[in-house]
Amino acid sequence: MKLKLSTFGERFSRRSGALELMDDLGSALGGDSEALMLGGGNPAKIPAVQRYFSERLGELAADPAEFERMLSNYAHPAGELRFRRAVARLLAERYGWPLTADNVALTAGSQAGFFLLFNMLAGRHSDGTMRRILLPVTPEYVGYANLGLGEGMFTSRRPRIELQGEGFFKYYIDFDSIDCGDDVAAVCVSRPTNPTGNVITDAELEQLDALCRRRGVPLIIDSAYGVPFPGIVFNEAAPLWNDNVVLCMSLSKLGLPAARTGIVVAREEIIESLTGMTAITNLAVGSVGPVLAHSVVASGEIIDLGRRLIAPYYRRKAERACEILQRSLRGLPFRIHRPEGAIFLWLWFPDLPITSAELYRRLKASGLLVLSGHHFFPGLDDDEPWRHRDECLRLSFAQDDEVVDRGVEILAAELERAYSPPARRAAAFRPGE
């Protein structure tokens, strides 16, 4: 007998970009697949970072009080109190932000945090109006796309594209296209952006902040890869917070993705609402991540660790991956979004004869897992087709160099076939496949 699902059940169990990504990632990292995993967001295993947390875990296991705090007691619904105090103290001391533990809430990973935040602010309101989350520049994070309890949660805008030398390009916010009307509940931007590695400039961020304050809507900054920590940013980028900003960070890209610890810094009424929602849905957030990372936050070393170790590591990986791509794909029409942060390269193949979804399937059949670019444009008006979103791929450079090299070889071979004259004649380009 076929299971009968509610509207909620149908919506949250259907195929999605996030499910496709995590299904591939789980199979590859779980040993069920020999495919080369260049699609997932799993951070690199940086030896010095791994060693630090391994030693810290040993210390906690040997200390009965700390072990109990980590595993044996429920935390407050807002998250482990000592860790929240440490986060607030660090940000207050470093940046002068007027924060206390009451401005900090923990969630069961960033994804859970955005689910709560988006549905808290947007969707159907008691007065019957429908309000949405504005994504001021796409491509944007694939994980946002299906978080709304109903359809139509997001509205987004195309970027301004600047072609740059040596085969690069960069997205900028097109402020002329942004109309923050009464139907907008909040504005959200990731910095650096997953999937593109784009870091919107300080000037762009300040302009967004001013726009949001004028309109009286929160500005949500997704800093899962960014500043203040873990700081995977390759150029200068100043952190921003005020009582209209909701700053979201994570321990995942620090090297602790399995700890599932998201960090939300916001004004107290937002934290209170998040806390109430967590109490209902989770009772409490796990304390493994907060206890494990407490000392590195309390000492302030978490910010210095990003600047001194994590960002340089990924910058070298990004530069190397760009060199490999430019050498292996020489003669093929492609551009790389200027890598400014995060752990991905965003590749654009102008006039690709097939869709990126079809290219994904062909690469997967050849043993390479990437992620099709069409997943990363939530909220764009489907009545205005834009071929660009079917011409892009996201590729992770966080894996071992040998894996990246072999993956690029497979990509080059598939692109040669796709762009060859017979393949062009046979290809049926169907946007949004």
Protein backbone atom coordinates (compact mmCIF):
# COMPACT_ATOMS: atom_id res chain seq x y z
CA MET A 1 0.00 0.00 0.00
CA LYS A 2 1.42 3.36 -1.04
CA LEU A 3 2.27 5.66 1.84
CA LYS A 4 0.05 8.74 1.91
CA LEU A 5 2.08 11.84 2.69
CA SER A 6 0.92 15.21 3.93
CA THR A 7 1.74 18.34 1.96
CA PHE A 8 4.66 18.82 4.35
CA GLY A 9 5.80 15.22 3.80
CA GLU A 10 5.63 15.54 0.03
CA ARG A 11 7.50 18.82 0.04
CA PHE A 12 10.35 17.75 2.28
CA SER A 13 10.90 14.25 0.89
CA ARG A 14 11.02 15.10 -2.82
CA ARG A 15 14.21 15.19 -4.85
CA SER A 16 16.23 18.37 -4.35
CA GLY A 17 19.69 19.72 -4.98
CA ALA A 18 20.55 19.29 -1.31
CA LEU A 19 19.39 15.65 -1.34
CA GLU A 20 21.29 14.93 -4.56
CA LEU A 21 24.41 16.46 -3.06
CA MET A 22 24.25 14.65 0.28
CA ASP A 23 23.26 11.35 -1.34
CA ASP A 24 26.37 11.53 -3.54
CA LEU A 25 28.51 12.69 -0.63
CA GLY A 26 27.30 10.00 1.76
CA SER A 27 27.84 7.24 -0.82
CA ALA A 28 31.31 8.47 -1.74
CA LEU A 29 32.60 9.06 1.78
CA GLY A 30 30.83 6.00 3.18
CA GLY A 31 32.72 3.69 0.87
CA ASP A 32 29.72 2.64 -1.24
CA SER A 33 31.11 4.37 -4.32
CA GLU A 34 34.51 4.65 -5.95
CA ALA A 35 33.55 7.91 -7.61
CA LEU A 36 35.70 11.01 -7.29
CA MET A 37 33.83 13.34 -4.93
CA LEU A 38 34.27 16.92 -6.15
CA GLY A 39 30.69 17.96 -5.56
CA GLY A 40 30.28 17.96 -1.79
CA GLY A 41 30.96 20.58 0.84
CA ASN A 42 32.97 18.37 3.17
CA PRO A 43 35.95 20.43 4.37
CA ALA A 44 39.52 19.27 3.88
CA LYS A 45 41.15 17.36 6.70
CA ILE A 46 43.89 19.87 7.51
CA PRO A 47 46.46 17.96 9.60
CA ALA A 48 47.18 20.73 12.13
CA VAL A 49 43.46 21.34 12.70
CA GLN A 50 42.72 17.63 13.00
CA ARG A 51 45.55 17.26 15.49
CA TYR A 52 44.32 20.17 17.60
CA PHE A 53 40.80 18.79 17.98
CA SER A 54 42.03 15.23 18.48
CA GLU A 55 44.17 16.37 21.39
CA ARG A 56 41.32 18.48 22.77
CA LEU A 57 38.95 15.51 22.58
CA GLY A 58 41.44 13.41 24.55
CA GLU A 59 41.62 16.08 27.25
CA LEU A 60 37.83 16.21 27.51
CA ALA A 61 37.49 12.44 27.72
CA ALA A 62 39.97 12.41 30.60
CA ASP A 63 38.12 15.11 32.56
CA PRO A 64 34.90 13.77 34.16
CA ALA A 65 33.30 17.21 34.52
CA GLU A 66 34.00 18.21 30.90
CA PHE A 67 32.91 14.80 29.61
CA GLU A 68 29.64 15.16 31.51
CA ARG A 69 29.14 18.66 30.14
CA MET A 70 29.71 17.40 26.60
CA LEU A 71 27.56 14.26 26.61
CA SER A 72 25.59 13.67 29.79
CA ASN A 73 23.41 16.77 30.24
CA TYR A 74 20.88 18.65 28.17
CA ALA A 75 22.01 22.15 27.28
CA HIS A 76 19.81 25.24 27.39
CA PRO A 77 17.50 25.43 24.32
CA ALA A 78 19.61 28.34 23.07
CA GLY A 79 22.71 26.16 23.29
CA GLU A 80 25.56 25.44 25.70
CA LEU A 81 25.82 28.54 27.90
CA ARG A 82 29.59 28.75 28.42
CA PHE A 83 30.18 28.53 24.69
CA ARG A 84 27.59 31.22 23.94
CA ARG A 85 29.22 33.48 26.52
CA ALA A 86 32.62 32.84 24.94
CA VAL A 87 31.32 33.71 21.45
CA ALA A 88 29.71 36.94 22.68
CA ARG A 89 32.83 37.95 24.64
CA LEU A 90 35.15 37.26 21.70
CA LEU A 91 33.10 39.31 19.23
CA ALA A 92 32.62 42.14 21.73
CA GLU A 93 36.34 42.34 22.45
CA ARG A 94 37.53 42.02 18.83
CA TYR A 95 34.96 44.22 17.11
CA GLY A 96 33.31 46.30 19.82
CA TRP A 97 29.88 44.76 19.17
CA PRO A 98 27.56 45.12 22.20
CA LEU A 99 26.86 41.42 22.69
CA THR A 100 26.04 39.08 25.55
CA ALA A 101 25.10 35.39 25.59
CA ASP A 102 21.50 36.56 25.07
CA ASN A 103 22.51 37.61 21.53
CA VAL A 104 23.77 34.12 20.63
CA ALA A 105 21.83 30.95 19.82
CA LEU A 106 23.12 27.60 18.64
CA THR A 107 21.34 25.39 16.12
CA ALA A 108 21.79 21.81 14.96
CA GLY A 109 23.93 22.94 12.05
CA SER A 110 23.52 25.97 9.80
CA GLN A 111 20.88 24.26 7.67
CA ALA A 112 18.59 23.85 10.67
CA GLY A 113 19.24 27.45 11.64
CA PHE A 114 18.19 28.77 8.25
CA PHE A 115 15.07 26.60 8.26
CA LEU A 116 14.04 28.21 11.54
CA LEU A 117 15.03 31.76 10.56
CA PHE A 118 13.43 31.75 7.12
CA ASN A 119 10.13 30.28 8.31
CA MET A 120 10.11 32.54 11.37
CA LEU A 121 10.28 35.65 9.20
CA ALA A 122 8.79 34.72 5.82
CA GLY A 123 5.78 32.82 4.54
CA ARG A 124 2.12 33.35 5.29
CA HIS A 125 1.47 35.91 8.05
CA SER A 126 -1.54 36.23 10.36
CA ASP A 127 -2.87 39.17 8.33
CA GLY A 128 -3.02 36.93 5.25
CA THR A 129 -0.05 38.49 3.49
CA MET A 130 2.75 36.43 1.97
CA ARG A 131 6.29 37.66 2.62
CA ARG A 132 9.49 36.31 1.11
CA ILE A 133 13.24 36.13 1.56
CA LEU A 134 15.11 38.28 -0.97
CA LEU A 135 18.38 36.83 -2.27
CA PRO A 136 20.00 39.93 -3.81
CA VAL A 137 22.42 38.02 -6.02
CA THR A 138 22.31 34.53 -7.50
CA PRO A 139 23.81 31.94 -7.78
CA GLU A 140 23.25 31.21 -4.09
CA TYR A 141 23.49 28.30 -1.67
CA VAL A 142 21.62 25.18 -2.85
CA GLY A 143 20.50 24.41 0.70
CA TYR A 144 18.20 27.44 0.85
CA ALA A 145 16.02 26.35 -2.06
CA ASN A 146 13.59 23.97 -0.34
CA LEU A 147 13.56 25.27 3.23
CA GLY A 148 10.22 27.06 3.02
CA LEU A 149 7.16 25.38 4.53
CA GLY A 150 5.31 26.52 1.43
CA GLU A 151 6.08 27.43 -2.16
CA GLY A 152 7.28 30.88 -3.15
CA MET A 153 9.51 31.48 -0.12
CA PHE A 154 12.29 33.15 -2.14
CA THR A 155 12.71 35.88 -4.67
CA SER A 156 16.13 36.54 -6.15
CA ARG A 157 17.98 38.73 -8.61
CA ARG A 158 20.43 38.08 -11.40
CA PRO A 159 23.95 39.39 -10.86
CA ARG A 160 25.93 41.88 -12.84
CA ILE A 161 28.68 39.86 -14.55
CA GLU A 162 32.15 41.32 -15.04
CA LEU A 163 34.49 39.45 -17.39
CA GLN A 164 38.06 39.53 -16.12
CA GLY A 165 41.42 38.64 -17.59
CA GLU A 166 43.01 35.18 -17.74
CA GLY A 167 39.70 33.40 -18.11
CA PHE A 168 38.03 34.63 -14.93
CA PHE A 169 34.78 36.48 -14.20
CA LYS A 170 33.02 37.88 -11.13
CA TYR A 171 29.45 38.46 -9.99
CA TYR A 172 28.38 41.76 -8.42
CA ILE A 173 25.05 42.78 -6.91
CA ASP A 174 22.93 44.68 -9.41
CA PHE A 175 21.42 47.22 -7.04
CA ASP A 176 19.33 48.73 -9.85
CA SER A 177 17.29 45.49 -9.92
CA ILE A 178 16.64 45.31 -6.18
CA ASP A 179 13.23 46.52 -5.06
CA CYS A 180 12.85 45.71 -1.38
CA GLY A 181 9.07 46.01 -1.27
CA ASP A 182 6.47 45.24 1.38
CA ASP A 183 6.50 41.54 0.43
CA VAL A 184 10.14 41.18 1.54
CA ALA A 185 10.56 39.83 5.08
CA ALA A 186 14.37 39.70 5.11
CA VAL A 187 17.39 39.86 2.83
CA CYS A 188 19.90 37.00 2.88
CA VAL A 189 23.37 36.76 1.35
CA SER A 190 26.20 34.27 1.84
CA ARG A 191 29.74 35.65 2.12
CA PRO A 192 31.78 33.93 0.71
CA THR A 193 29.06 32.55 -1.48
CA ASN A 194 28.55 28.85 -1.84
CA PRO A 195 28.81 27.88 -4.75
CA THR A 196 30.86 30.59 -6.44
CA GLY A 197 33.47 31.65 -3.89
CA ASN A 198 32.26 35.22 -4.45
CA VAL A 199 32.91 37.62 -1.56
CA ILE A 200 30.64 40.62 -1.94
CA THR A 201 32.66 43.74 -1.26
CA ASP A 202 32.50 45.72 1.98
CA ALA A 203 30.82 48.52 0.00
CA GLU A 204 28.16 46.13 -1.33
CA LEU A 205 27.52 44.78 2.16
CA GLU A 206 27.21 48.27 3.63
CA GLN A 207 24.79 49.27 0.87
CA LEU A 208 22.67 46.17 1.54
CA ASP A 209 22.71 46.95 5.26
CA ALA A 210 21.58 50.52 4.66
CA LEU A 211 18.79 49.32 2.36
CA CYS A 212 17.56 46.81 4.94
CA ARG A 213 17.58 49.34 7.76
CA ARG A 214 15.62 51.83 5.65
CA ARG A 215 13.03 49.17 4.88
CA GLY A 216 12.99 47.78 8.44
CA VAL A 217 13.84 44.19 7.45
CA PRO A 218 16.68 42.05 8.85
CA LEU A 219 19.84 41.41 6.84
CA ILE A 220 20.88 37.76 7.23
CA ILE A 221 24.58 37.19 6.53
CA ASP A 222 25.50 33.55 6.00
CA SER A 223 29.14 33.40 7.07
CA ALA A 224 29.53 29.62 7.21
CA TYR A 225 32.84 30.01 5.35
CA GLY A 226 33.56 33.61 6.19
CA VAL A 227 34.47 36.18 8.80
CA PRO A 228 34.86 36.33 11.74
CA PHE A 229 35.42 32.55 11.60
CA PRO A 230 36.33 30.14 10.05
CA GLY A 231 37.70 32.91 7.84
CA ILE A 232 38.07 31.11 4.50
CA VAL A 233 38.45 34.41 2.67
CA PHE A 234 41.32 35.19 0.30
CA ASN A 235 40.99 38.98 0.16
CA GLU A 236 40.13 41.71 2.65
CA ALA A 237 36.60 41.48 4.04
CA ALA A 238 35.38 43.22 7.18
CA PRO A 239 32.75 41.49 9.36
CA LEU A 240 29.49 43.36 10.00
CA TRP A 241 26.96 43.23 12.80
CA ASN A 242 24.37 45.60 14.21
CA ASP A 243 20.94 45.05 15.76
CA ASN A 244 19.40 44.65 12.30
CA VAL A 245 21.93 42.01 11.19
CA VAL A 246 21.53 38.27 11.76
CA LEU A 247 25.04 36.84 11.51
CA CYS A 248 25.20 33.07 10.97
CA MET A 249 28.39 31.09 11.48
CA SER A 250 29.28 27.43 11.85
CA LEU A 251 31.87 25.02 13.20
CA SER A 252 31.58 22.81 10.10
CA LYS A 253 34.17 24.45 7.86
CA LEU A 254 36.51 24.80 10.80
CA GLY A 255 36.82 21.04 10.39
CA LEU A 256 33.91 19.80 12.53
CA PRO A 257 31.03 19.13 10.10
CA ALA A 258 29.77 16.09 12.02
CA ALA A 259 29.39 18.19 15.18
CA ARG A 260 26.45 19.99 13.49
CA THR A 261 26.85 23.31 15.28
CA GLY A 262 25.41 26.48 13.79
CA ILE A 263 25.87 29.84 15.54
CA VAL A 264 23.38 32.72 15.18
CA VAL A 265 24.23 36.21 16.45
CA ALA A 266 21.25 38.56 16.49
CA ARG A 267 19.21 40.93 18.59
CA GLU A 268 17.53 39.39 21.61
CA GLU A 269 13.99 39.10 20.25
CA ILE A 270 15.24 37.00 17.33
CA ILE A 271 17.29 34.81 19.67
CA GLU A 272 14.27 34.34 21.93
CA SER A 273 12.15 33.17 18.98
CA LEU A 274 14.87 30.79 17.80
CA THR A 275 15.19 29.41 21.33
CA GLY A 276 11.46 28.72 21.54
CA MET A 277 11.46 26.97 18.17
CA THR A 278 14.46 24.84 19.17
CA ALA A 279 12.76 23.81 22.42
CA ILE A 280 9.77 22.55 20.44
CA THR A 281 11.63 20.81 17.62
CA ASN A 282 14.84 19.61 19.35
CA LEU A 283 14.46 20.22 23.11
CA ALA A 284 18.11 21.29 23.02
CA VAL A 285 21.10 21.47 20.68
CA GLY A 286 23.91 18.96 21.08
CA SER A 287 26.91 20.05 23.16
CA VAL A 288 29.71 18.04 21.52
CA GLY A 289 30.73 20.84 19.14
CA PRO A 290 30.41 23.70 21.64
CA VAL A 291 32.38 21.92 24.37
CA LEU A 292 35.03 20.74 21.93
CA ALA A 293 35.50 24.23 20.47
CA HIS A 294 35.06 26.22 23.70
CA SER A 295 38.74 26.75 24.44
CA VAL A 296 39.63 27.88 20.91
CA VAL A 297 36.78 30.42 21.03
CA ALA A 298 37.44 31.61 24.60
CA SER A 299 41.10 32.26 23.76
CA GLY A 300 40.27 34.03 20.49
CA GLU A 301 42.48 31.56 18.65
CA ILE A 302 39.59 30.55 16.39
CA ILE A 303 39.93 33.80 14.42
CA ASP A 304 43.72 33.61 14.26
CA LEU A 305 43.51 29.93 13.22
CA GLY A 306 41.50 30.94 10.17
CA ARG A 307 43.88 33.70 9.13
CA ARG A 308 47.08 31.83 9.85
CA LEU A 309 46.26 28.29 8.80
CA ILE A 310 42.86 27.58 7.25
CA ALA A 311 42.55 30.40 4.69
CA PRO A 312 46.14 30.01 3.36
CA TYR A 313 45.61 26.25 3.01
CA TYR A 314 42.49 26.68 0.88
CA ARG A 315 43.97 29.55 -1.10
CA ARG A 316 46.83 27.34 -2.21
CA LYS A 317 44.34 24.61 -3.13
CA ALA A 318 42.24 27.07 -5.13
CA GLU A 319 45.22 28.45 -7.06
CA ARG A 320 46.44 24.96 -7.87
CA ALA A 321 42.98 23.83 -9.04
CA CYS A 322 42.69 26.88 -11.31
CA GLU A 323 46.07 26.10 -12.88
CA ILE A 324 45.07 22.46 -13.49
CA LEU A 325 41.76 23.49 -15.06
CA GLN A 326 43.28 26.13 -17.30
CA ARG A 327 45.91 23.69 -18.53
CA SER A 328 43.57 20.71 -18.99
CA LEU A 329 40.67 22.64 -20.56
CA ARG A 330 42.82 24.81 -22.84
CA GLY A 331 40.98 25.45 -26.10
CA LEU A 332 37.54 24.84 -24.59
CA PRO A 333 35.16 27.76 -23.90
CA PHE A 334 35.06 28.18 -20.13
CA ARG A 335 35.57 30.72 -17.38
CA ILE A 336 36.20 30.41 -13.63
CA HIS A 337 34.54 32.71 -11.13
CA ARG A 338 37.36 34.58 -9.39
CA PRO A 339 37.98 32.43 -6.26
CA GLU A 340 37.77 34.80 -3.29
CA GLY A 341 36.86 32.33 -0.55
CA ALA A 342 35.09 29.10 0.44
CA ILE A 343 36.14 25.70 -0.93
CA PHE A 344 34.64 25.60 -4.43
CA LEU A 345 35.33 26.70 -7.98
CA TRP A 346 32.36 27.83 -10.06
CA LEU A 347 32.84 27.00 -13.73
CA TRP A 348 30.94 28.66 -16.57
CA PHE A 349 30.80 26.99 -19.99
CA PRO A 350 29.32 29.58 -22.41
CA ASP A 351 27.04 28.07 -25.08
CA LEU A 352 27.35 24.61 -23.60
CA PRO A 353 25.50 22.37 -26.10
CA ILE A 354 23.93 20.31 -23.29
CA THR A 355 22.55 21.43 -19.95
CA SER A 356 24.67 21.34 -16.82
CA ALA A 357 22.22 18.75 -15.47
CA GLU A 358 23.02 16.46 -18.40
CA LEU A 359 26.74 17.15 -18.01
CA TYR A 360 26.40 16.17 -14.31
CA ARG A 361 24.81 12.87 -15.30
CA ARG A 362 27.52 12.12 -17.86
CA LEU A 363 30.29 12.96 -15.39
CA LYS A 364 28.67 10.78 -12.73
CA ALA A 365 28.53 7.87 -15.18
CA SER A 366 32.26 8.43 -15.81
CA GLY A 367 33.07 8.33 -12.09
CA LEU A 368 33.14 12.05 -11.24
CA LEU A 369 30.66 13.64 -8.84
CA VAL A 370 30.14 17.40 -9.13
CA LEU A 371 26.95 19.44 -8.73
CA SER A 372 24.94 20.90 -11.57
CA GLY A 373 24.74 24.67 -11.51
CA HIS A 374 21.00 24.87 -12.16
CA HIS A 375 20.32 23.98 -8.51
CA PHE A 376 21.87 27.26 -7.29
CA PHE A 377 19.32 29.77 -8.56
CA PRO A 378 16.44 29.63 -6.06
CA GLY A 379 13.79 32.30 -6.44
CA LEU A 380 14.49 33.33 -10.02
CA ASP A 381 11.40 33.88 -12.15
CA ASP A 382 11.00 30.79 -14.35
CA ASP A 383 9.01 32.92 -16.80
CA GLU A 384 12.29 34.61 -17.72
CA PRO A 385 14.60 31.75 -18.80
CA TRP A 386 18.29 32.46 -18.36
CA ARG A 387 20.60 30.05 -20.13
CA HIS A 388 23.53 30.98 -17.88
CA ARG A 389 22.14 28.87 -15.04
CA ASP A 390 22.27 25.76 -17.24
CA GLU A 391 25.90 26.41 -18.22
CA CYS A 392 27.63 26.20 -14.82
CA LEU A 393 29.07 23.57 -12.47
CA ARG A 394 30.30 23.66 -8.89
CA LEU A 395 33.53 21.80 -8.22
CA SER A 396 35.12 21.33 -4.80
CA PHE A 397 38.89 21.66 -4.51
CA ALA A 398 38.99 20.49 -0.87
CA GLN A 399 39.81 16.88 -1.74
CA ASP A 400 43.34 15.50 -2.14
CA ASP A 401 45.26 16.91 -5.09
CA GLU A 402 45.30 13.53 -6.84
CA VAL A 403 41.50 13.35 -6.69
CA VAL A 404 41.19 16.88 -8.12
CA ASP A 405 43.64 16.06 -10.92
CA ARG A 406 41.81 12.88 -11.95
CA GLY A 407 38.47 14.65 -11.73
CA VAL A 408 39.61 17.44 -14.04
CA GLU A 409 40.82 14.84 -16.57
CA ILE A 410 37.34 13.31 -16.66
CA LEU A 411 35.73 16.76 -16.93
CA ALA A 412 37.99 17.72 -19.84
CA ALA A 413 37.16 14.52 -21.72
CA GLU A 414 33.40 14.97 -21.28
CA LEU A 415 33.56 18.61 -22.35
CA GLU A 416 35.56 17.67 -25.45
CA ARG A 417 32.75 15.28 -26.39
CA ALA A 418 30.02 17.80 -25.57
CA TYR A 419 31.57 20.60 -27.62
CA SER A 420 32.54 18.43 -30.61
CA PRO A 421 30.50 19.09 -33.81
CA PRO A 422 28.72 15.67 -33.82
CA ALA A 423 27.79 16.07 -30.15
CA ARG A 424 26.47 19.58 -30.86
CA ARG A 425 24.18 18.22 -33.57
CA ALA A 426 22.93 15.39 -31.36
CA ALA A 427 22.49 17.40 -28.18
CA ALA A 428 19.02 18.58 -27.23
CA PHE A 429 19.38 21.58 -24.93
CA ARG A 430 16.40 21.67 -22.58
CA PRO A 431 16.83 24.34 -19.88
CA GLY A 432 16.07 23.32 -16.32
CA GLU A 433 16.48 19.57 -16.88
